Amino acid sequence: MNREDTLHHLDGAVLAAIRRHAIAILPELGPGDFLPGVTLAELGLNSVDRSEVVTNVMDDLDVLVPITEFRQAMPVADLVHLFERYR
């Protein structure tokens, strides 16, 4: 199963939350921009923006992911997997 297939099999709530909060910061983004191998930085979110997205997604999902779990350039699919692990 490739990364794109994997993303489609994950809980849609996690990906939807990531998209929603990223688009709230950068309205020019669209749902189709969130490809599995693309990082939030590649989508144009700076480090403060990415931190805000992560914090808001954790609030939405009512999960606490240790900060040490996040990597600098984490692709969307890996980010979804990470949130899924803590749900």
PDB file of N, CA and C in Angstrom:
ATOM      1  N   MET A   1       0.841  -1.168   0.000  1.00  0.00           N
ATOM      2  CA  MET A   1       0.000   0.000   0.000  1.00  0.00           C
ATOM      3  C   MET A   1       0.894   1.242   0.000  1.00  0.00           C
ATOM      4  N   ASN A   2       0.664   2.127  -0.965  1.00  0.00           N
ATOM      5  CA  ASN A   2       1.496   3.331  -1.017  1.00  0.00           C
ATOM      6  C   ASN A   2       0.969   4.387  -0.043  1.00  0.00           C
ATOM      7  N   ARG A   3       1.721   5.461   0.099  1.00  0.00           N
ATOM      8  CA  ARG A   3       1.403   6.499   1.072  1.00  0.00           C
ATOM      9  C   ARG A   3       0.035   7.120   0.809  1.00  0.00           C
ATOM     10  N   GLU A   4      -0.326   7.332  -0.461  1.00  0.00           N
ATOM     11  CA  GLU A   4      -1.621   7.934  -0.782  1.00  0.00           C
ATOM     12  C   GLU A   4      -2.758   7.006  -0.390  1.00  0.00           C
ATOM     13  N   ASP A   5      -2.625   5.700  -0.697  1.00  0.00           N
ATOM     14  CA  ASP A   5      -3.637   4.731  -0.299  1.00  0.00           C
ATOM     15  C   ASP A   5      -3.774   4.702   1.215  1.00  0.00           C
ATOM     16  N   THR A   6      -2.659   4.763   1.910  1.00  0.00           N
ATOM     17  CA  THR A   6      -2.669   4.755   3.367  1.00  0.00           C
ATOM     18  C   THR A   6      -3.451   5.939   3.896  1.00  0.00           C
ATOM     19  N   LEU A   7      -3.258   7.102   3.315  1.00  0.00           N
ATOM     20  CA  LEU A   7      -3.944   8.293   3.777  1.00  0.00           C
ATOM     21  C   LEU A   7      -5.455   8.144   3.622  1.00  0.00           C
ATOM     22  N   HIS A   8      -5.899   7.517   2.558  1.00  0.00           N
ATOM     23  CA  HIS A   8      -7.330   7.346   2.327  1.00  0.00           C
ATOM     24  C   HIS A   8      -7.956   6.373   3.315  1.00  0.00           C
ATOM     25  N   HIS A   9      -7.184   5.506   3.915  1.00  0.00           N
ATOM     26  CA  HIS A   9      -7.708   4.521   4.852  1.00  0.00           C
ATOM     27  C   HIS A   9      -7.741   5.028   6.289  1.00  0.00           C
ATOM     28  N   LEU A  10      -7.190   6.188   6.520  1.00  0.00           N
ATOM     29  CA  LEU A  10      -7.154   6.723   7.873  1.00  0.00           C
ATOM     30  C   LEU A  10      -8.464   7.426   8.211  1.00  0.00           C
ATOM     31  N   ASP A  11      -8.658   7.648   9.492  1.00  0.00           N
ATOM     32  CA  ASP A  11      -9.832   8.358   9.967  1.00  0.00           C
ATOM     33  C   ASP A  11      -9.902   9.722   9.306  1.00  0.00           C
ATOM     34  N   GLY A  12     -10.971   9.995   8.611  1.00  0.00           N
ATOM     35  CA  GLY A  12     -11.124  11.258   7.920  1.00  0.00           C
ATOM     36  C   GLY A  12     -11.161  12.466   8.841  1.00  0.00           C
ATOM     37  N   ALA A  13     -11.509  12.255  10.108  1.00  0.00           N
ATOM     38  CA  ALA A  13     -11.592  13.368  11.053  1.00  0.00           C
ATOM     39  C   ALA A  13     -10.231  14.005  11.283  1.00  0.00           C
ATOM     40  N   VAL A  14      -9.193  13.206  11.308  1.00  0.00           N
ATOM     41  CA  VAL A  14      -7.843  13.726  11.545  1.00  0.00           C
ATOM     42  C   VAL A  14      -7.400  14.574  10.358  1.00  0.00           C
ATOM     43  N   LEU A  15      -7.507  14.038   9.177  1.00  0.00           N
ATOM     44  CA  LEU A  15      -7.114  14.778   7.980  1.00  0.00           C
ATOM     45  C   LEU A  15      -7.979  16.024   7.813  1.00  0.00           C
ATOM     46  N   ALA A  16      -9.266  15.905   8.085  1.00  0.00           N
ATOM     47  CA  ALA A  16     -10.167  17.057   7.974  1.00  0.00           C
ATOM     48  C   ALA A  16      -9.762  18.165   8.941  1.00  0.00           C
ATOM     49  N   ALA A  17      -9.369  17.800  10.142  1.00  0.00           N
ATOM     50  CA  ALA A  17      -8.945  18.796  11.132  1.00  0.00           C
ATOM     51  C   ALA A  17      -7.660  19.483  10.690  1.00  0.00           C
ATOM     52  N   ILE A  18      -6.713  18.715  10.168  1.00  0.00           N
ATOM     53  CA  ILE A  18      -5.459  19.302   9.678  1.00  0.00           C
ATOM     54  C   ILE A  18      -5.763  20.282   8.546  1.00  0.00           C
ATOM     55  N   ARG A  19      -6.578  19.840   7.597  1.00  0.00           N
ATOM     56  CA  ARG A  19      -6.937  20.708   6.471  1.00  0.00           C
ATOM     57  C   ARG A  19      -7.634  21.975   6.952  1.00  0.00           C
ATOM     58  N   ARG A  20      -8.627  21.811   7.818  1.00  0.00           N
ATOM     59  CA  ARG A  20      -9.425  22.941   8.289  1.00  0.00           C
ATOM     60  C   ARG A  20      -8.553  24.018   8.944  1.00  0.00           C
ATOM     61  N   HIS A  21      -7.656  23.584   9.820  1.00  0.00           N
ATOM     62  CA  HIS A  21      -6.839  24.562  10.539  1.00  0.00           C
ATOM     63  C   HIS A  21      -5.755  25.172   9.654  1.00  0.00           C
ATOM     64  N   ALA A  22      -5.219  24.404   8.737  1.00  0.00           N
ATOM     65  CA  ALA A  22      -4.220  24.960   7.814  1.00  0.00           C
ATOM     66  C   ALA A  22      -4.866  25.955   6.850  1.00  0.00           C
ATOM     67  N   ILE A  23      -6.050  25.627   6.365  1.00  0.00           N
ATOM     68  CA  ILE A  23      -6.753  26.518   5.437  1.00  0.00           C
ATOM     69  C   ILE A  23      -7.216  27.784   6.150  1.00  0.00           C
ATOM     70  N   ALA A  24      -7.519  27.687   7.438  1.00  0.00           N
ATOM     71  CA  ALA A  24      -7.891  28.888   8.201  1.00  0.00           C
ATOM     72  C   ALA A  24      -6.725  29.878   8.246  1.00  0.00           C
ATOM     73  N   ILE A  25      -5.507  29.354   8.226  1.00  0.00           N
ATOM     74  CA  ILE A  25      -4.316  30.206   8.250  1.00  0.00           C
ATOM     75  C   ILE A  25      -3.949  30.673   6.845  1.00  0.00           C
ATOM     76  N   LEU A  26      -4.010  29.758   5.897  1.00  0.00           N
ATOM     77  CA  LEU A  26      -3.687  30.081   4.492  1.00  0.00           C
ATOM     78  C   LEU A  26      -4.900  29.756   3.618  1.00  0.00           C
ATOM     79  N   PRO A  27      -5.835  30.683   3.497  1.00  0.00           N
ATOM     80  CA  PRO A  27      -7.077  30.424   2.769  1.00  0.00           C
ATOM     81  C   PRO A  27      -6.892  30.037   1.294  1.00  0.00           C
ATOM     82  N   GLU A  28      -5.726  30.347   0.745  1.00  0.00           N
ATOM     83  CA  GLU A  28      -5.505  29.983  -0.661  1.00  0.00           C
ATOM     84  C   GLU A  28      -5.290  28.483  -0.853  1.00  0.00           C
ATOM     85  N   LEU A  29      -5.093  27.756   0.246  1.00  0.00           N
ATOM     86  CA  LEU A  29      -4.957  26.303   0.163  1.00  0.00           C
ATOM     87  C   LEU A  29      -6.322  25.680  -0.083  1.00  0.00           C
ATOM     88  N   GLY A  30      -6.307  24.542  -0.763  1.00  0.00           N
ATOM     89  CA  GLY A  30      -7.534  23.788  -0.975  1.00  0.00           C
ATOM     90  C   GLY A  30      -7.352  22.372  -0.471  1.00  0.00           C
ATOM     91  N   PRO A  31      -8.445  21.652  -0.245  1.00  0.00           N
ATOM     92  CA  PRO A  31      -8.352  20.281   0.266  1.00  0.00           C
ATOM     93  C   PRO A  31      -7.440  19.385  -0.567  1.00  0.00           C
ATOM     94  N   GLY A  32      -7.387  19.605  -1.871  1.00  0.00           N
ATOM     95  CA  GLY A  32      -6.558  18.793  -2.754  1.00  0.00           C
ATOM     96  C   GLY A  32      -5.070  19.038  -2.620  1.00  0.00           C
ATOM     97  N   ASP A  33      -4.700  20.084  -1.917  1.00  0.00           N
ATOM     98  CA  ASP A  33      -3.280  20.393  -1.722  1.00  0.00           C
ATOM     99  C   ASP A  33      -2.620  19.483  -0.692  1.00  0.00           C
ATOM    100  N   PHE A  34      -3.429  18.829   0.123  1.00  0.00           N
ATOM    101  CA  PHE A  34      -2.908  18.039   1.239  1.00  0.00           C
ATOM    102  C   PHE A  34      -2.612  16.611   0.798  1.00  0.00           C
ATOM    103  N   LEU A  35      -1.579  16.486  -0.014  1.00  0.00           N
ATOM    104  CA  LEU A  35      -1.150  15.182  -0.512  1.00  0.00           C
ATOM    105  C   LEU A  35      -0.323  14.480   0.558  1.00  0.00           C
ATOM    106  N   PRO A  36      -0.320  13.158   0.556  1.00  0.00           N
ATOM    107  CA  PRO A  36       0.349  12.389   1.609  1.00  0.00           C
ATOM    108  C   PRO A  36       1.806  12.739   1.850  1.00  0.00           C
ATOM    109  N   GLY A  37       2.563  12.991   0.790  1.00  0.00           N
ATOM    110  CA  GLY A  37       3.995  13.226   0.947  1.00  0.00           C
ATOM    111  C   GLY A  37       4.381  14.674   1.136  1.00  0.00           C
ATOM    112  N   VAL A  38       3.416  15.575   1.134  1.00  0.00           N
ATOM    113  CA  VAL A  38       3.684  17.002   1.249  1.00  0.00           C
ATOM    114  C   VAL A  38       3.712  17.402   2.724  1.00  0.00           C
ATOM    115  N   THR A  39       4.654  18.257   3.079  1.00  0.00           N
ATOM    116  CA  THR A  39       4.731  18.744   4.458  1.00  0.00           C
ATOM    117  C   THR A  39       3.942  20.053   4.575  1.00  0.00           C
ATOM    118  N   LEU A  40       3.591  20.410   5.798  1.00  0.00           N
ATOM    119  CA  LEU A  40       2.908  21.684   6.022  1.00  0.00           C
ATOM    120  C   LEU A  40       3.800  22.848   5.616  1.00  0.00           C
ATOM    121  N   ALA A  41       5.106  22.709   5.793  1.00  0.00           N
ATOM    122  CA  ALA A  41       6.037  23.748   5.367  1.00  0.00           C
ATOM    123  C   ALA A  41       5.993  23.915   3.848  1.00  0.00           C
ATOM    124  N   GLU A  42       5.927  22.813   3.120  1.00  0.00           N
ATOM    125  CA  GLU A  42       5.852  22.879   1.660  1.00  0.00           C
ATOM    126  C   GLU A  42       4.547  23.522   1.195  1.00  0.00           C
ATOM    127  N   LEU A  43       3.527  23.456   2.037  1.00  0.00           N
ATOM    128  CA  LEU A  43       2.261  24.103   1.710  1.00  0.00           C
ATOM    129  C   LEU A  43       2.302  25.602   1.997  1.00  0.00           C
ATOM    130  N   GLY A  44       3.386  26.056   2.638  1.00  0.00           N
ATOM    131  CA  GLY A  44       3.558  27.477   2.884  1.00  0.00           C
ATOM    132  C   GLY A  44       3.363  27.904   4.327  1.00  0.00           C
ATOM    133  N   LEU A  45       3.178  26.943   5.228  1.00  0.00           N
ATOM    134  CA  LEU A  45       3.003  27.271   6.646  1.00  0.00           C
ATOM    135  C   LEU A  45       4.361  27.414   7.322  1.00  0.00           C
ATOM    136  N   ASN A  46       4.583  28.536   7.998  1.00  0.00           N
ATOM    137  CA  ASN A  46       5.840  28.719   8.718  1.00  0.00           C
ATOM    138  C   ASN A  46       5.778  27.972  10.056  1.00  0.00           C
ATOM    139  N   SER A  47       6.831  28.036  10.825  1.00  0.00           N
ATOM    140  CA  SER A  47       6.903  27.247  12.058  1.00  0.00           C
ATOM    141  C   SER A  47       5.821  27.639  13.070  1.00  0.00           C
ATOM    142  N   VAL A  48       5.488  28.906  13.153  1.00  0.00           N
ATOM    143  CA  VAL A  48       4.427  29.351  14.067  1.00  0.00           C
ATOM    144  C   VAL A  48       3.074  28.827  13.578  1.00  0.00           C
ATOM    145  N   ASP A  49       2.850  28.917  12.272  1.00  0.00           N
ATOM    146  CA  ASP A  49       1.607  28.395  11.682  1.00  0.00           C
ATOM    147  C   ASP A  49       1.464  26.900  11.940  1.00  0.00           C
ATOM    148  N   ARG A  50       2.545  26.169  11.730  1.00  0.00           N
ATOM    149  CA  ARG A  50       2.505  24.706  11.923  1.00  0.00           C
ATOM    150  C   ARG A  50       2.202  24.365  13.376  1.00  0.00           C
ATOM    151  N   SER A  51       2.799  25.105  14.284  1.00  0.00           N
ATOM    152  CA  SER A  51       2.543  24.898  15.704  1.00  0.00           C
ATOM    153  C   SER A  51       1.074  25.153  16.029  1.00  0.00           C
ATOM    154  N   GLU A  52       0.519  26.183  15.437  1.00  0.00           N
ATOM    155  CA  GLU A  52      -0.899  26.506  15.656  1.00  0.00           C
ATOM    156  C   GLU A  52      -1.795  25.402  15.110  1.00  0.00           C
ATOM    157  N   VAL A  53      -1.477  24.898  13.921  1.00  0.00           N
ATOM    158  CA  VAL A  53      -2.262  23.801  13.343  1.00  0.00           C
ATOM    159  C   VAL A  53      -2.226  22.584  14.262  1.00  0.00           C
ATOM    160  N   VAL A  54      -1.044  22.200  14.698  1.00  0.00           N
ATOM    161  CA  VAL A  54      -0.888  21.022  15.561  1.00  0.00           C
ATOM    162  C   VAL A  54      -1.654  21.199  16.867  1.00  0.00           C
ATOM    163  N   THR A  55      -1.521  22.357  17.489  1.00  0.00           N
ATOM    164  CA  THR A  55      -2.215  22.623  18.753  1.00  0.00           C
ATOM    165  C   THR A  55      -3.728  22.578  18.570  1.00  0.00           C
ATOM    166  N   ASN A  56      -4.220  23.195  17.507  1.00  0.00           N
ATOM    167  CA  ASN A  56      -5.659  23.205  17.254  1.00  0.00           C
ATOM    168  C   ASN A  56      -6.198  21.820  16.926  1.00  0.00           C
ATOM    169  N   VAL A  57      -5.435  21.036  16.192  1.00  0.00           N
ATOM    170  CA  VAL A  57      -5.864  19.667  15.881  1.00  0.00           C
ATOM    171  C   VAL A  57      -5.921  18.836  17.163  1.00  0.00           C
ATOM    172  N   MET A  58      -4.927  18.975  18.023  1.00  0.00           N
ATOM    173  CA  MET A  58      -4.959  18.246  19.295  1.00  0.00           C
ATOM    174  C   MET A  58      -6.186  18.646  20.106  1.00  0.00           C
ATOM    175  N   ASP A  59      -6.511  19.935  20.122  1.00  0.00           N
ATOM    176  CA  ASP A  59      -7.710  20.394  20.833  1.00  0.00           C
ATOM    177  C   ASP A  59      -8.970  19.784  20.232  1.00  0.00           C
ATOM    178  N   ASP A  60      -9.069  19.816  18.910  1.00  0.00           N
ATOM    179  CA  ASP A  60     -10.247  19.254  18.229  1.00  0.00           C
ATOM    180  C   ASP A  60     -10.434  17.770  18.535  1.00  0.00           C
ATOM    181  N   LEU A  61      -9.323  17.039  18.517  1.00  0.00           N
ATOM    182  CA  LEU A  61      -9.381  15.580  18.689  1.00  0.00           C
ATOM    183  C   LEU A  61      -9.327  15.168  20.154  1.00  0.00           C
ATOM    184  N   ASP A  62      -9.103  16.156  21.028  1.00  0.00           N
ATOM    185  CA  ASP A  62      -8.972  15.903  22.462  1.00  0.00           C
ATOM    186  C   ASP A  62      -7.880  14.866  22.736  1.00  0.00           C
ATOM    187  N   VAL A  63      -6.711  15.101  22.130  1.00  0.00           N
ATOM    188  CA  VAL A  63      -5.549  14.239  22.336  1.00  0.00           C
ATOM    189  C   VAL A  63      -4.348  15.089  22.713  1.00  0.00           C
ATOM    190  N   LEU A  64      -3.401  14.471  23.363  1.00  0.00           N
ATOM    191  CA  LEU A  64      -2.153  15.144  23.700  1.00  0.00           C
ATOM    192  C   LEU A  64      -1.013  14.310  23.129  1.00  0.00           C
ATOM    193  N   VAL A  65      -0.357  14.855  22.128  1.00  0.00           N
ATOM    194  CA  VAL A  65       0.782  14.198  21.502  1.00  0.00           C
ATOM    195  C   VAL A  65       2.039  14.878  22.035  1.00  0.00           C
ATOM    196  N   PRO A  66       2.957  14.118  22.628  1.00  0.00           N
ATOM    197  CA  PRO A  66       4.191  14.740  23.133  1.00  0.00           C
ATOM    198  C   PRO A  66       4.943  15.459  22.012  1.00  0.00           C
ATOM    199  N   ILE A  67       5.443  16.625  22.320  1.00  0.00           N
ATOM    200  CA  ILE A  67       6.146  17.450  21.335  1.00  0.00           C
ATOM    201  C   ILE A  67       7.330  16.712  20.721  1.00  0.00           C
ATOM    202  N   THR A  68       7.913  15.791  21.470  1.00  0.00           N
ATOM    203  CA  THR A  68       9.062  15.040  20.962  1.00  0.00           C
ATOM    204  C   THR A  68       8.683  14.106  19.814  1.00  0.00           C
ATOM    205  N   GLU A  69       7.401  13.870  19.621  1.00  0.00           N
ATOM    206  CA  GLU A  69       6.938  12.994  18.532  1.00  0.00           C
ATOM    207  C   GLU A  69       6.952  13.689  17.172  1.00  0.00           C
ATOM    208  N   PHE A  70       6.938  15.009  17.181  1.00  0.00           N
ATOM    209  CA  PHE A  70       6.868  15.751  15.927  1.00  0.00           C
ATOM    210  C   PHE A  70       8.259  15.962  15.360  1.00  0.00           C
ATOM    211  N   ARG A  71       8.379  15.714  14.043  1.00  0.00           N
ATOM    212  CA  ARG A  71       9.634  15.951  13.341  1.00  0.00           C
ATOM    213  C   ARG A  71       9.529  17.248  12.556  1.00  0.00           C
ATOM    214  N   GLN A  72      10.663  17.772  12.201  1.00  0.00           N
ATOM    215  CA  GLN A  72      10.727  19.056  11.492  1.00  0.00           C
ATOM    216  C   GLN A  72       9.934  19.040  10.182  1.00  0.00           C
ATOM    217  N   ALA A  73      10.174  18.096   9.342  1.00  0.00           N
ATOM    218  CA  ALA A  73       9.521  18.045   8.028  1.00  0.00           C
ATOM    219  C   ALA A  73       8.671  16.777   7.940  1.00  0.00           C
ATOM    220  N   MET A  74       7.549  16.796   8.612  1.00  0.00           N
ATOM    221  CA  MET A  74       6.686  15.630   8.696  1.00  0.00           C
ATOM    222  C   MET A  74       5.618  15.706   7.601  1.00  0.00           C
ATOM    223  N   PRO A  75       5.614  14.740   6.675  1.00  0.00           N
ATOM    224  CA  PRO A  75       4.589  14.729   5.626  1.00  0.00           C
ATOM    225  C   PRO A  75       3.187  14.576   6.228  1.00  0.00           C
ATOM    226  N   VAL A  76       2.199  15.032   5.499  1.00  0.00           N
ATOM    227  CA  VAL A  76       0.815  14.983   5.961  1.00  0.00           C
ATOM    228  C   VAL A  76       0.415  13.570   6.401  1.00  0.00           C
ATOM    229  N   ALA A  77       0.759  12.559   5.613  1.00  0.00           N
ATOM    230  CA  ALA A  77       0.381  11.186   5.982  1.00  0.00           C
ATOM    231  C   ALA A  77       0.991  10.780   7.318  1.00  0.00           C
ATOM    232  N   ASP A  78       2.236  11.153   7.555  1.00  0.00           N
ATOM    233  CA  ASP A  78       2.884  10.821   8.831  1.00  0.00           C
ATOM    234  C   ASP A  78       2.240  11.575   9.985  1.00  0.00           C
ATOM    235  N   LEU A  79       1.844  12.801   9.738  1.00  0.00           N
ATOM    236  CA  LEU A  79       1.175  13.596  10.756  1.00  0.00           C
ATOM    237  C   LEU A  79      -0.179  12.968  11.118  1.00  0.00           C
ATOM    238  N   VAL A  80      -0.912  12.542  10.107  1.00  0.00           N
ATOM    239  CA  VAL A  80      -2.198  11.868  10.348  1.00  0.00           C
ATOM    240  C   VAL A  80      -1.971  10.596  11.155  1.00  0.00           C
ATOM    241  N   HIS A  81      -0.980   9.798  10.767  1.00  0.00           N
ATOM    242  CA  HIS A  81      -0.665   8.563  11.504  1.00  0.00           C
ATOM    243  C   HIS A  81      -0.328   8.866  12.972  1.00  0.00           C
ATOM    244  N   LEU A  82       0.427   9.911  13.193  1.00  0.00           N
ATOM    245  CA  LEU A  82       0.817  10.281  14.546  1.00  0.00           C
ATOM    246  C   LEU A  82      -0.405  10.615  15.404  1.00  0.00           C
ATOM    247  N   PHE A  83      -1.274  11.457  14.889  1.00  0.00           N
ATOM    248  CA  PHE A  83      -2.493  11.778  15.637  1.00  0.00           C
ATOM    249  C   PHE A  83      -3.358  10.535  15.866  1.00  0.00           C
ATOM    250  N   GLU A  84      -3.425   9.685  14.863  1.00  0.00           N
ATOM    251  CA  GLU A  84      -4.198   8.443  14.996  1.00  0.00           C
ATOM    252  C   GLU A  84      -3.671   7.574  16.139  1.00  0.00           C
ATOM    253  N   ARG A  85      -2.358   7.507  16.292  1.00  0.00           N
ATOM    254  CA  ARG A  85      -1.759   6.689  17.347  1.00  0.00           C
ATOM    255  C   ARG A  85      -2.173   7.130  18.734  1.00  0.00           C
ATOM    256  N   TYR A  86      -2.451   8.418  18.894  1.00  0.00           N
ATOM    257  CA  TYR A  86      -2.783   8.956  20.212  1.00  0.00           C
ATOM    258  C   TYR A  86      -4.286   9.140  20.430  1.00  0.00           C
ATOM    259  N   ARG A  87      -5.083   8.765  19.467  1.00  0.00           N
ATOM    260  CA  ARG A  87      -6.555   8.893  19.613  1.00  0.00           C
ATOM    261  C   ARG A  87      -7.118   7.770  20.411  1.00  0.00           C
TER     262      ARG A  87
END
